[in-house]
Structure formats: structure tokens, C-alpha cells
Amino acid sequence: MRLLQVAGTLNPAYGGPCVVVNQLTRSLTDLGHSIDVVTLDPPSAPWLTDLPGPPRGFGPGLGKYGYSRHLRLWLERHAPDYDAVTVHGIWQYQSQAVRAACCRAGVPYFLFVHGALDPWFRERYPGKHAKKALYWRLFEHRTLRDAQAVLYTCEEERRLAPNSFAPYQAREAIVGLGIEEPPGDPALQCEAFLSANPHLRDKRILLFLGRLHPKKGCDLLIEAFSRVCHRDESLHLVVAGPDESETEAGLRMLAESLRVGDRISWIGMLNEDAKWGAYRAADAFVLTSHSENFGIVIAEALACGLPVLISDKVNIWREIERCGAGLVEGDTVAGATSLLDRWMNLSDSDRAEARRRAQACFLENFEARSAALGFVESVAGAIGKAGAA
């Protein structure tokens, strides 16, 4: 098939959805499909060189909404060239542009909402939710209604989505997401990470890797860490990721007030071997999030054989629990403390078994080729090209 993917940005600083587009594009290309990608990034954006193609950038769009006349005109002209179009994300112009162009041309389109309909946002940001509710009623609900299918990455995301806004009308499908197996030599990556951070040698590392944002629950993690770290002097928390809305400053203040500032390292955003090295060097990956659609970082950790300690607001928690690839608790201080306590109480043999199960969980649920095949089967079946899979 010839398929088009449309995204607001491929900037890796914005986390999971960007990784999803990249991984899906590479996997579908490897399966023999012709994939084009367009974004609202500036044409000169350095991250647009990492994909087959390379992607076309029609930005920057106007304001945070990202309105782009150039994108609209290009889609109107070229949407008929494709068997189907997939748009990533709502609340920005790309979803409206795809709907308008595809409905006019009679081309089926598919929509990934990437967790944007999680009810947590309504509870955390009621003012923003009220504004979005008006926009939803006027415009965005039609994007879901007219899509050939709204694609959810797991059953939990699909279950939660109808509870945020009304009216809600959608043909729903669940397609898995996946990543490629990590490249490079694990031992060399681990050593490179420790050489760059020599104070972490001989430490028992708990790793958080991702955007620093209130929804990630890092405050819960720091509070829990302060309650258990006295049990093991080698225990050290590593926080890696780009800061958002000056979240890091508040977290640092919290750590100092709890007298654990010297046992937490803030190392910023990691990419490529540095990122994989952090996973390789860690004892466990921790994500005590209040809202997490899928969590590409969870798949990355599992791919490295790293057990994950997560909240039950990470939508793939059932898969993790079923596979025995980590531990799950509620998104509270008590829940986060229990996660760390339970992990520290495991024997060496139990932790080694959890590593084995983490790798098996990745291969069973989150490997890129299998996920791409599932995506193709869903799209091909929906548009009457079942043989294309």
C-alpha cells in the first residue's frame, strides 16, 4: 500500500508520539509499503533526516495550534495519491487539515489520539478542559466521527477515551505499538554511560527517563525514594529527560527539602547510545505516572531486559503484570513507596527472573515488526485491501 503519515512534530523532545511515527515508518517500509511523512516542523529541522523519504516539513505553523496554509494546500492536492492517511494527535491543526482534505477526496483516514482523551487532564486542568470541550463540540468530535478508525494502542486507552468529551462517536480499533530491538553493544553502552557519569559506578540505579511534566508523577517518586533509600546506601535515583514548564526546579526543591538531593542525579535528555546505556546500567525503571497512554520508554526498558516499576495509570500495566515484567501500584505516595519497597525486598534470583521476563514481555507485546503487521492488517482490512498485509 501507499500510506501517508501526518504529525505535528517529530521533535524527539516531545516524547512518545514522535518515536511512534519514526518506528512505524521504518517498520512499514521494511515490510514493503510506501510511506511518506509530513509534519508541521520547519523544513530545516535536524530531526527530519532520520527517516526514509525524508519527511516534508510545512512549518512552523501559526501559534500553538499550528495552522499552516501550505499543509492544507498540499494535502488537498496529494491526499488522492494514497490508499490511506494516518494522522497523529488532536487539538492541533493537522487533524483538521487531514479530515478536510480526505473527506473532500474520498480517501480514508485513521486517527491516533495518543492518550489525548485521558480523563486525568480534565481533573488536573479544569480550565483548559472547558476550553477544549467547546472546541471539541464545535470541531474536533467530527475528526473522530469521520475517521475510518480511531486507533488506540491498548484496551485501557480505548476504555477511558469516551469519558472525557461529548459527543463521542468513533469506529474504534486497537493496534499495538512497538520499537526495534536496541542497536549497539550493551556492554559498551553501559560502560559509556558510566564513564560519562562516574559518580554512578557501583550504584544501584533507579531510572526515570522521560519528559519532566506534572503528569509523570516524579514528585511521588522522589517522596517514595526518600522513604526507602536509607535501606541501601548504594541506591541512587537518576532522572533523565527534558524539562517542561520548569518542572525540574520544583522537583529539585522537593528533593532538597526531603534531604535526598545528594542521592538524585539530574542528567537531562539522553539520546542514542547514552540513552541505551542508562537502561543497561539501571537496576529498575520507574514511572509513577498519573496518566500514560502507552509509554514508549516502558517498551525501551523492557527491550533492554530492564524490569519496570509503574503505576496503574500507565495504560499497558495489565500486560506488564501478566508477564511478570515488573511491579504495579497506584499513583499515590503510598503506591510509589510500595513499588520501591517490594522491589528492594526481592532476592537476587527474583530480580534476575524479572529481567528475563522483561525481555520476553517485549518480544511478545512490543516488538516493532509485529506491531507494524498488526497496524497494516487493521488498515488494510478497513479499506478493503486485506491482501496488502
Protein backbone atom coordinates (compact mmCIF):
# COMPACT_ATOMS: atom_id res chain seq x y z
CA MET A 1 0.00 0.00 0.00
CA ARG A 2 0.93 3.64 -0.32
CA LEU A 3 0.35 5.34 3.03
CA LEU A 4 0.78 8.86 4.37
CA GLN A 5 1.50 9.77 7.99
CA VAL A 6 0.81 13.31 9.23
CA ALA A 7 2.16 14.60 12.55
CA GLY A 8 2.50 17.91 14.33
CA THR A 9 6.20 17.36 15.04
CA LEU A 10 8.90 14.72 15.02
CA ASN A 11 10.99 16.56 17.59
CA PRO A 12 12.20 13.83 20.00
CA ALA A 13 11.93 16.26 22.92
CA TYR A 14 8.14 15.85 22.72
CA GLY A 15 8.31 12.20 23.63
CA GLY A 16 6.43 9.08 22.62
CA PRO A 17 4.26 10.09 19.62
CA CYS A 18 7.35 11.22 17.71
CA VAL A 19 9.02 7.87 18.36
CA VAL A 20 5.84 6.10 17.24
CA VAL A 21 5.84 7.86 13.86
CA ASN A 22 9.52 7.09 13.31
CA GLN A 23 9.27 3.45 14.32
CA LEU A 24 6.08 2.82 12.38
CA THR A 25 7.52 4.43 9.25
CA ARG A 26 10.68 2.33 9.34
CA SER A 27 8.81 -0.91 10.09
CA LEU A 28 6.21 -0.38 7.37
CA THR A 29 8.95 0.46 4.86
CA ASP A 30 10.76 -2.75 5.79
CA LEU A 31 7.50 -4.64 5.13
CA GLY A 32 7.47 -3.28 1.57
CA HIS A 33 4.92 -0.48 1.87
CA SER A 34 5.49 3.02 0.51
CA ILE A 35 5.34 5.52 3.39
CA ASP A 36 5.50 9.31 3.23
CA VAL A 37 5.54 11.60 6.27
CA VAL A 38 4.56 15.26 6.53
CA THR A 39 4.82 17.41 9.65
CA LEU A 40 4.41 20.95 10.89
CA ASP A 41 8.13 21.14 11.65
CA PRO A 42 10.29 23.68 9.79
CA PRO A 43 11.83 22.10 6.67
CA SER A 44 15.29 22.66 8.14
CA ALA A 45 14.57 20.80 11.42
CA PRO A 46 17.52 18.44 12.02
CA TRP A 47 15.34 15.55 13.19
CA LEU A 48 13.69 15.29 9.76
CA THR A 49 16.75 13.50 8.38
CA ASP A 50 16.25 10.25 10.32
CA LEU A 51 13.54 8.63 8.21
CA PRO A 52 13.17 7.20 4.71
CA GLY A 53 11.99 9.94 2.44
CA PRO A 54 12.85 12.23 4.18
CA PRO A 55 9.71 13.78 5.73
CA ARG A 56 8.33 17.07 4.41
CA GLY A 57 8.12 19.93 6.89
CA PHE A 58 5.39 22.52 6.34
CA GLY A 59 6.01 24.59 9.44
CA PRO A 60 6.31 26.37 11.57
CA GLY A 61 2.56 26.69 11.79
CA LEU A 62 0.79 29.68 13.25
CA GLY A 63 0.89 29.70 17.06
CA LYS A 64 0.49 26.64 19.26
CA TYR A 65 -2.41 25.49 17.09
CA GLY A 66 -0.04 25.17 14.14
CA TYR A 67 -2.26 26.45 11.33
CA SER A 68 -0.45 26.01 8.01
CA ARG A 69 -1.96 27.04 4.68
CA HIS A 70 0.89 25.20 2.94
CA LEU A 71 -0.02 21.92 4.64
CA ARG A 72 -3.70 22.37 3.77
CA LEU A 73 -2.98 23.03 0.08
CA TRP A 74 -0.52 20.12 -0.14
CA LEU A 75 -2.99 17.70 1.42
CA GLU A 76 -5.80 18.85 -0.87
CA ARG A 77 -3.56 18.21 -3.85
CA HIS A 78 -1.92 14.95 -2.77
CA ALA A 79 -4.32 13.06 -0.47
CA PRO A 80 -5.76 11.18 -3.51
CA ASP A 81 -2.26 9.77 -4.17
CA TYR A 82 -2.56 7.49 -1.12
CA ASP A 83 -4.54 4.40 -0.17
CA ALA A 84 -4.97 5.83 3.32
CA VAL A 85 -3.76 8.64 5.57
CA THR A 86 -2.88 8.34 9.26
CA VAL A 87 -2.88 11.48 11.39
CA HIS A 88 -1.19 11.59 14.79
CA GLY A 89 -2.71 13.75 17.51
CA ILE A 90 -5.69 16.02 18.04
CA TRP A 91 -6.11 19.60 19.33
CA GLN A 92 -3.79 20.94 16.61
CA TYR A 93 -4.30 21.86 13.00
CA GLN A 94 -3.02 18.65 11.43
CA SER A 95 -6.12 16.68 12.46
CA GLN A 96 -8.49 19.25 10.96
CA ALA A 97 -6.42 19.54 7.78
CA VAL A 98 -6.41 15.77 7.25
CA ARG A 99 -10.13 15.44 7.88
CA ALA A 100 -11.00 18.23 5.45
CA ALA A 101 -8.71 17.00 2.67
CA CYS A 102 -9.59 13.31 2.99
CA CYS A 103 -13.34 13.84 3.22
CA ARG A 104 -13.19 16.05 0.12
CA ALA A 105 -11.11 13.50 -1.80
CA GLY A 106 -12.89 10.38 -0.54
CA VAL A 107 -9.66 8.99 0.94
CA PRO A 108 -9.95 7.01 4.21
CA TYR A 109 -8.02 8.37 7.15
CA PHE A 110 -7.08 6.86 10.51
CA LEU A 111 -6.51 8.78 13.74
CA PHE A 112 -4.10 8.10 16.59
CA VAL A 113 -5.14 10.23 19.59
CA HIS A 114 -2.04 9.23 21.62
CA GLY A 115 -3.69 9.46 25.02
CA ALA A 116 -5.16 12.94 24.50
CA LEU A 117 -8.58 11.75 25.72
CA ASP A 118 -7.41 10.51 29.12
CA PRO A 119 -9.83 11.85 31.80
CA TRP A 120 -6.88 12.78 34.04
CA PHE A 121 -6.42 16.01 32.10
CA ARG A 122 -10.00 17.03 32.88
CA GLU A 123 -9.37 16.60 36.59
CA ARG A 124 -5.93 18.22 36.65
CA TYR A 125 -6.63 21.18 34.33
CA PRO A 126 -10.38 22.01 34.54
CA GLY A 127 -9.91 25.43 32.92
CA LYS A 128 -8.13 24.03 29.88
CA HIS A 129 -10.66 21.23 29.74
CA ALA A 130 -13.53 23.73 29.49
CA LYS A 131 -11.85 25.41 26.50
CA LYS A 132 -11.17 22.07 24.85
CA ALA A 133 -14.77 20.98 25.46
CA LEU A 134 -16.00 23.93 23.40
CA TYR A 135 -13.50 23.22 20.62
CA TRP A 136 -14.48 19.55 20.75
CA ARG A 137 -18.17 20.28 20.35
CA LEU A 138 -17.58 22.72 17.50
CA PHE A 139 -14.87 20.87 15.57
CA GLU A 140 -12.80 18.01 16.95
CA HIS A 141 -15.53 15.42 17.58
CA ARG A 142 -16.04 15.32 13.81
CA THR A 143 -12.41 14.26 13.35
CA LEU A 144 -13.12 11.09 15.32
CA ARG A 145 -16.59 10.58 13.86
CA ASP A 146 -15.40 10.72 10.23
CA ALA A 147 -12.22 8.65 10.65
CA GLN A 148 -12.19 5.19 9.11
CA ALA A 149 -11.00 4.14 12.54
CA VAL A 150 -9.71 5.78 15.71
CA LEU A 151 -6.62 3.83 16.67
CA TYR A 152 -5.93 3.08 20.32
CA THR A 153 -2.73 1.47 21.48
CA CYS A 154 -4.25 -0.74 24.18
CA GLU A 155 -7.61 -1.67 25.68
CA GLU A 156 -7.19 0.64 28.67
CA GLU A 157 -6.77 3.72 26.45
CA ARG A 158 -9.85 2.75 24.44
CA ARG A 159 -11.88 2.20 27.61
CA LEU A 160 -11.03 5.62 29.05
CA ALA A 161 -11.37 7.70 25.88
CA PRO A 162 -15.19 8.13 25.71
CA ASN A 163 -15.29 9.58 29.24
CA SER A 164 -13.64 12.95 28.52
CA PHE A 165 -15.81 14.79 25.99
CA ALA A 166 -19.27 14.59 24.42
CA PRO A 167 -20.48 13.87 21.86
CA TYR A 168 -18.23 10.88 21.27
CA GLN A 169 -18.74 8.81 18.15
CA ALA A 170 -15.97 6.67 16.68
CA ARG A 171 -15.20 3.41 14.95
CA GLU A 172 -12.55 2.08 17.32
CA ALA A 173 -9.62 -0.25 16.72
CA ILE A 174 -6.78 -1.37 18.96
CA VAL A 175 -3.37 -1.60 17.32
CA GLY A 176 -0.24 -2.31 19.27
CA LEU A 177 2.86 -0.16 19.21
CA GLY A 178 6.39 -1.42 19.17
CA ILE A 179 10.03 -0.50 18.85
CA GLU A 180 13.00 -2.09 17.18
CA GLU A 181 15.42 -4.04 19.32
CA PRO A 182 18.05 -1.66 20.70
CA PRO A 183 21.10 -1.30 18.44
CA GLY A 184 24.70 -1.46 19.58
CA ASP A 185 26.73 -3.42 22.11
CA PRO A 186 25.06 -3.48 25.55
CA ALA A 187 28.32 -3.71 27.50
CA LEU A 188 29.91 -0.83 25.59
CA GLN A 189 26.78 1.32 26.01
CA CYS A 190 26.67 0.66 29.74
CA GLU A 191 30.36 1.48 30.12
CA ALA A 192 29.99 4.67 28.06
CA PHE A 193 27.14 5.84 30.29
CA LEU A 194 29.07 5.11 33.47
CA SER A 195 32.21 6.77 32.09
CA ALA A 196 30.18 9.91 31.41
CA ASN A 197 28.68 9.69 34.92
CA PRO A 198 31.47 8.19 37.05
CA HIS A 199 29.70 9.01 40.32
CA LEU A 200 27.13 6.33 39.38
CA ARG A 201 29.62 3.46 39.32
CA ASP A 202 28.78 0.84 41.92
CA LYS A 203 25.38 2.45 42.49
CA ARG A 204 22.09 0.60 42.43
CA ILE A 205 20.29 2.86 39.95
CA LEU A 206 16.57 3.52 39.79
CA LEU A 207 15.96 5.21 36.46
CA PHE A 208 13.29 7.65 35.37
CA LEU A 209 13.60 8.64 31.71
CA GLY A 210 11.09 10.92 30.01
CA ARG A 211 9.72 14.45 29.86
CA LEU A 212 9.63 16.23 33.20
CA HIS A 213 5.94 17.10 33.44
CA PRO A 214 3.47 17.06 36.37
CA LYS A 215 1.58 14.13 34.89
CA LYS A 216 4.67 11.91 35.20
CA GLY A 217 4.37 11.77 38.99
CA CYS A 218 8.05 12.42 39.66
CA ASP A 219 7.09 14.11 42.93
CA LEU A 220 5.61 10.79 44.09
CA LEU A 221 8.80 9.01 43.07
CA ILE A 222 11.05 11.43 44.97
CA GLU A 223 8.86 11.24 48.07
CA ALA A 224 8.88 7.42 47.92
CA PHE A 225 12.63 7.35 47.31
CA SER A 226 13.21 9.48 50.42
CA ARG A 227 11.29 6.92 52.47
CA VAL A 228 13.23 3.85 51.35
CA CYS A 229 16.73 4.95 50.33
CA HIS A 230 18.08 4.61 53.89
CA ARG A 231 17.77 0.85 53.47
CA ASP A 232 20.57 0.72 50.90
CA GLU A 233 23.36 3.32 50.78
CA SER A 234 24.11 2.36 47.16
CA LEU A 235 20.58 3.19 45.99
CA HIS A 236 20.57 6.21 43.65
CA LEU A 237 17.82 7.84 41.60
CA VAL A 238 18.66 9.05 38.08
CA VAL A 239 16.23 11.48 36.44
CA ALA A 240 16.85 11.84 32.70
CA GLY A 241 14.76 13.89 30.32
CA PRO A 242 13.96 17.37 29.01
CA ASP A 243 12.40 19.88 31.41
CA GLU A 244 8.91 21.13 30.66
CA SER A 245 7.29 24.20 32.25
CA GLU A 246 10.15 24.47 34.78
CA THR A 247 9.08 21.25 36.43
CA GLU A 248 12.66 20.32 37.34
CA ALA A 249 13.16 23.31 39.63
CA GLY A 250 10.22 22.31 41.82
CA LEU A 251 11.35 18.69 41.91
CA ARG A 252 14.85 19.71 42.95
CA MET A 253 13.41 21.82 45.77
CA LEU A 254 11.34 18.85 46.90
CA ALA A 255 14.40 16.60 46.91
CA GLU A 256 16.38 19.09 48.99
CA SER A 257 13.54 19.51 51.48
CA LEU A 258 13.47 15.73 51.90
CA ARG A 259 17.26 15.65 52.28
CA VAL A 260 17.86 13.33 49.33
CA GLY A 261 19.26 15.88 46.89
CA ASP A 262 22.70 14.27 47.00
CA ARG A 263 21.23 10.90 46.03
CA ILE A 264 19.47 12.08 42.88
CA SER A 265 21.22 12.87 39.57
CA TRP A 266 19.55 15.15 37.00
CA ILE A 267 21.22 14.39 33.69
CA GLY A 268 18.93 15.95 31.09
CA MET A 269 17.74 14.45 27.83
CA LEU A 270 19.55 11.36 26.56
CA ASN A 271 19.68 10.05 23.00
CA GLU A 272 21.13 7.10 21.12
CA ASP A 273 23.87 5.17 22.96
CA ALA A 274 23.67 7.42 26.03
CA LYS A 275 20.01 6.53 26.42
CA TRP A 276 20.52 2.81 25.92
CA GLY A 277 23.48 2.93 28.29
CA ALA A 278 21.27 4.38 31.03
CA TYR A 279 18.83 1.49 30.63
CA ARG A 280 21.71 -1.02 30.66
CA ALA A 281 23.21 0.42 33.85
CA ALA A 282 19.97 0.58 35.84
CA ASP A 283 18.58 -1.86 38.38
CA ALA A 284 14.94 -0.96 37.55
CA PHE A 285 12.97 1.59 35.55
CA VAL A 286 10.37 3.63 37.48
CA LEU A 287 7.35 5.52 36.11
CA THR A 288 4.80 6.57 38.74
CA SER A 289 2.71 8.49 36.20
CA HIS A 290 -0.80 9.87 36.74
CA SER A 291 -1.57 9.44 33.03
CA GLU A 292 0.37 7.48 30.43
CA ASN A 293 -1.19 6.38 27.18
CA PHE A 294 1.38 3.73 26.30
CA GLY A 295 4.85 4.66 27.42
CA ILE A 296 7.44 4.08 24.69
CA VAL A 297 10.06 4.30 27.44
CA ILE A 298 8.46 1.23 29.02
CA ALA A 299 8.97 -0.70 25.78
CA GLU A 300 12.56 0.56 25.58
CA ALA A 301 13.30 -0.56 29.13
CA LEU A 302 11.79 -3.99 28.53
CA ALA A 303 13.76 -4.36 25.30
CA CYS A 304 16.93 -3.93 27.41
CA GLY A 305 15.75 -6.59 29.86
CA LEU A 306 15.06 -3.94 32.49
CA PRO A 307 12.12 -4.58 34.84
CA VAL A 308 9.64 -1.70 35.22
CA LEU A 309 8.01 -0.34 38.36
CA ILE A 310 4.91 1.55 37.23
CA SER A 311 1.61 3.00 38.37
CA ASP A 312 -1.72 1.57 37.30
CA LYS A 313 -2.29 4.76 35.29
CA VAL A 314 0.21 3.55 32.70
CA ASN A 315 -2.24 2.07 30.25
CA ILE A 316 -0.22 -1.06 29.50
CA TRP A 317 0.04 -2.03 33.16
CA ARG A 318 -2.04 -5.16 32.63
CA GLU A 319 0.44 -6.50 30.08
CA ILE A 320 3.33 -5.81 32.45
CA GLU A 321 1.59 -7.54 35.35
CA ARG A 322 0.51 -10.50 33.25
CA CYS A 323 4.07 -11.09 32.02
CA GLY A 324 5.66 -10.61 35.43
CA ALA A 325 7.93 -7.97 33.85
CA GLY A 326 7.70 -5.58 36.78
CA LEU A 327 5.52 -4.31 39.60
CA VAL A 328 2.34 -2.21 39.58
CA GLU A 329 0.79 0.03 42.26
CA GLY A 330 -1.49 3.08 42.46
CA ASP A 331 -0.40 6.62 41.55
CA THR A 332 -0.02 7.83 45.14
CA VAL A 333 2.90 8.33 47.51
CA ALA A 334 1.88 5.11 49.27
CA GLY A 335 1.72 3.28 45.96
CA ALA A 336 5.12 4.57 44.81
CA THR A 337 6.64 3.68 48.19
CA SER A 338 5.21 0.17 47.93
CA LEU A 339 6.74 -0.21 44.47
CA LEU A 340 10.21 0.59 45.73
CA ASP A 341 9.79 -1.45 48.91
CA ARG A 342 8.60 -4.52 47.01
CA TRP A 343 11.49 -4.25 44.54
CA MET A 344 14.08 -3.94 47.29
CA ASN A 345 12.62 -6.95 49.09
CA LEU A 346 13.16 -9.23 46.10
CA SER A 347 16.04 -11.68 46.19
CA ASP A 348 18.83 -11.54 43.63
CA SER A 349 17.35 -14.57 41.87
CA ASP A 350 13.89 -12.94 41.77
CA ARG A 351 15.34 -9.77 40.20
CA ALA A 352 17.23 -11.86 37.64
CA GLU A 353 13.98 -13.64 36.76
CA ALA A 354 12.24 -10.28 36.39
CA ARG A 355 14.90 -9.27 33.86
CA ARG A 356 14.27 -12.42 31.86
CA ARG A 357 10.53 -11.81 31.94
CA ALA A 358 11.02 -8.17 30.89
CA GLN A 359 12.80 -9.24 27.69
CA ALA A 360 10.15 -11.89 27.00
CA CYS A 361 7.38 -9.32 27.56
CA PHE A 362 8.97 -7.01 24.98
CA LEU A 363 9.22 -9.73 22.35
CA GLU A 364 5.65 -10.88 22.97
CA ASN A 365 3.95 -7.47 23.06
CA PHE A 366 6.05 -4.55 21.91
CA GLU A 367 8.40 -5.60 19.12
CA ALA A 368 8.27 -3.27 16.10
CA ARG A 369 7.69 -5.72 13.24
CA SER A 370 4.81 -7.47 14.97
CA ALA A 371 3.22 -4.13 15.85
CA ALA A 372 3.57 -2.91 12.26
CA LEU A 373 1.94 -6.07 10.95
CA GLY A 374 -1.00 -5.51 13.29
CA PHE A 375 -1.31 -1.90 12.10
CA VAL A 376 -1.24 -2.95 8.44
CA GLU A 377 -3.86 -5.65 9.00
CA SER A 378 -6.19 -3.14 10.66
CA VAL A 379 -5.76 -0.52 7.92
CA ALA A 380 -5.91 -2.98 5.02
CA GLY A 381 -8.99 -4.68 6.42
CA ALA A 382 -10.78 -1.39 7.00
CA ILE A 383 -10.22 -0.14 3.44
CA GLY A 384 -10.90 -3.45 1.71
CA LYS A 385 -7.31 -4.37 0.88
CA ALA A 386 -6.88 -7.33 3.21
CA GLY A 387 -4.32 -8.95 0.90
CA ALA A 388 -2.00 -5.97 1.26
CA ALA A 389 -0.96 -7.04 4.76
